[in-house]
Amino acid sequence: MCTNGVNTTQFKATIEQIDEAVALTRRWTHRAYHTADGAQHKQTAAKLQEAQSLLDEVRALLSEAGDICEEEAAATSGVSVNLV
């Protein structure tokens, strides 16, 4: 559905693609964490673990953005759906 010049389906798909890229980065960071931890690089491992947490927060925000995108599109479409 296109509202206010934005195709909501495509826009939500874009948000999902960003999330997938962040998920891949998070996976690589997790592997790097295990490498650093196994090599007794404790400070590096701690920073990588912190980065993982921040990437998890980014993914949560992207999930919220996708949900809000749909809600806002429905609110601005001027269409109401009623249960029959």
Protein backbone atom coordinates (compact mmCIF):
# COMPACT_ATOMS: atom_id res chain seq x y z
CA MET A 1 0.00 0.00 0.00
CA CYS A 2 1.32 3.45 -0.87
CA THR A 3 0.59 6.32 1.51
CA ASN A 4 2.10 9.78 1.47
CA GLY A 5 4.36 8.79 -1.42
CA VAL A 6 5.81 5.77 0.39
CA ASN A 7 5.15 2.18 -0.53
CA THR A 8 4.80 0.74 2.96
CA THR A 9 5.50 -2.85 1.92
CA GLN A 10 8.76 -1.88 0.24
CA PHE A 11 9.73 0.42 3.10
CA LYS A 12 9.15 -2.34 5.66
CA ALA A 13 11.19 -4.72 3.48
CA THR A 14 14.02 -2.18 3.53
CA ILE A 15 13.92 -2.10 7.33
CA GLU A 16 14.03 -5.91 7.34
CA GLN A 17 17.07 -5.88 5.03
CA ILE A 18 18.86 -3.50 7.40
CA ASP A 19 18.01 -5.83 10.27
CA GLU A 20 19.43 -8.79 8.35
CA ALA A 21 22.69 -6.89 7.76
CA VAL A 22 22.91 -6.02 11.46
CA ALA A 23 22.19 -9.67 12.36
CA LEU A 24 25.10 -10.77 10.17
CA THR A 25 27.38 -8.17 11.75
CA ARG A 26 26.28 -9.34 15.18
CA ARG A 27 27.14 -12.94 14.25
CA TRP A 28 30.63 -11.90 13.08
CA THR A 29 31.11 -9.88 16.26
CA HIS A 30 30.10 -12.90 18.32
CA ARG A 31 32.67 -15.06 16.55
CA ALA A 32 35.35 -12.41 17.09
CA TYR A 33 34.38 -12.28 20.76
CA HIS A 34 34.98 -16.03 21.12
CA THR A 35 38.32 -15.70 19.31
CA ALA A 36 39.45 -12.90 21.62
CA ASP A 37 38.15 -14.66 24.72
CA GLY A 38 39.88 -17.91 23.77
CA ALA A 39 43.14 -16.05 23.19
CA GLN A 40 42.99 -14.47 26.65
CA HIS A 41 42.41 -10.98 25.20
CA LYS A 42 40.01 -10.07 27.99
CA GLN A 43 39.68 -6.33 27.27
CA THR A 44 39.10 -6.94 23.58
CA ALA A 45 36.56 -9.65 24.39
CA ALA A 46 34.76 -7.30 26.78
CA LYS A 47 34.48 -4.60 24.10
CA LEU A 48 33.23 -7.10 21.55
CA GLN A 49 30.64 -8.35 24.03
CA GLU A 50 29.53 -4.76 24.59
CA ALA A 51 29.27 -4.30 20.82
CA GLN A 52 27.08 -7.41 20.62
CA SER A 53 24.72 -5.92 23.19
CA LEU A 54 24.50 -2.68 21.26
CA LEU A 55 23.79 -4.56 18.03
CA ASP A 56 21.00 -6.42 19.86
CA GLU A 57 19.56 -3.03 20.83
CA VAL A 58 19.76 -1.87 17.21
CA ARG A 59 17.84 -4.96 16.10
CA ALA A 60 15.15 -4.32 18.71
CA LEU A 61 14.79 -0.72 17.51
CA LEU A 62 14.54 -1.87 13.89
CA SER A 63 11.82 -4.32 14.86
CA GLU A 64 9.90 -1.52 16.57
CA ALA A 65 10.40 0.71 13.53
CA GLY A 66 8.89 -1.96 11.27
CA ASP A 67 5.85 -2.28 13.51
CA ILE A 68 5.40 1.48 13.78
CA CYS A 69 5.74 1.84 10.01
CA GLU A 70 2.69 -0.37 9.49
CA GLU A 71 0.70 1.41 12.20
CA GLU A 72 1.45 4.84 10.76
CA ALA A 73 0.57 3.72 7.24
CA ALA A 74 -2.76 2.40 8.45
CA ALA A 75 -3.45 5.61 10.39
CA THR A 76 -2.74 7.86 7.41
CA SER A 77 -4.42 5.77 4.73
CA GLY A 78 -7.93 6.98 5.50
CA VAL A 79 -9.10 3.39 5.28
CA SER A 80 -10.73 1.69 8.19
CA VAL A 81 -11.18 -2.04 8.55
CA ASN A 82 -14.15 -3.38 10.47
CA LEU A 83 -14.84 -6.89 11.60
CA VAL A 84 -17.97 -8.19 9.93
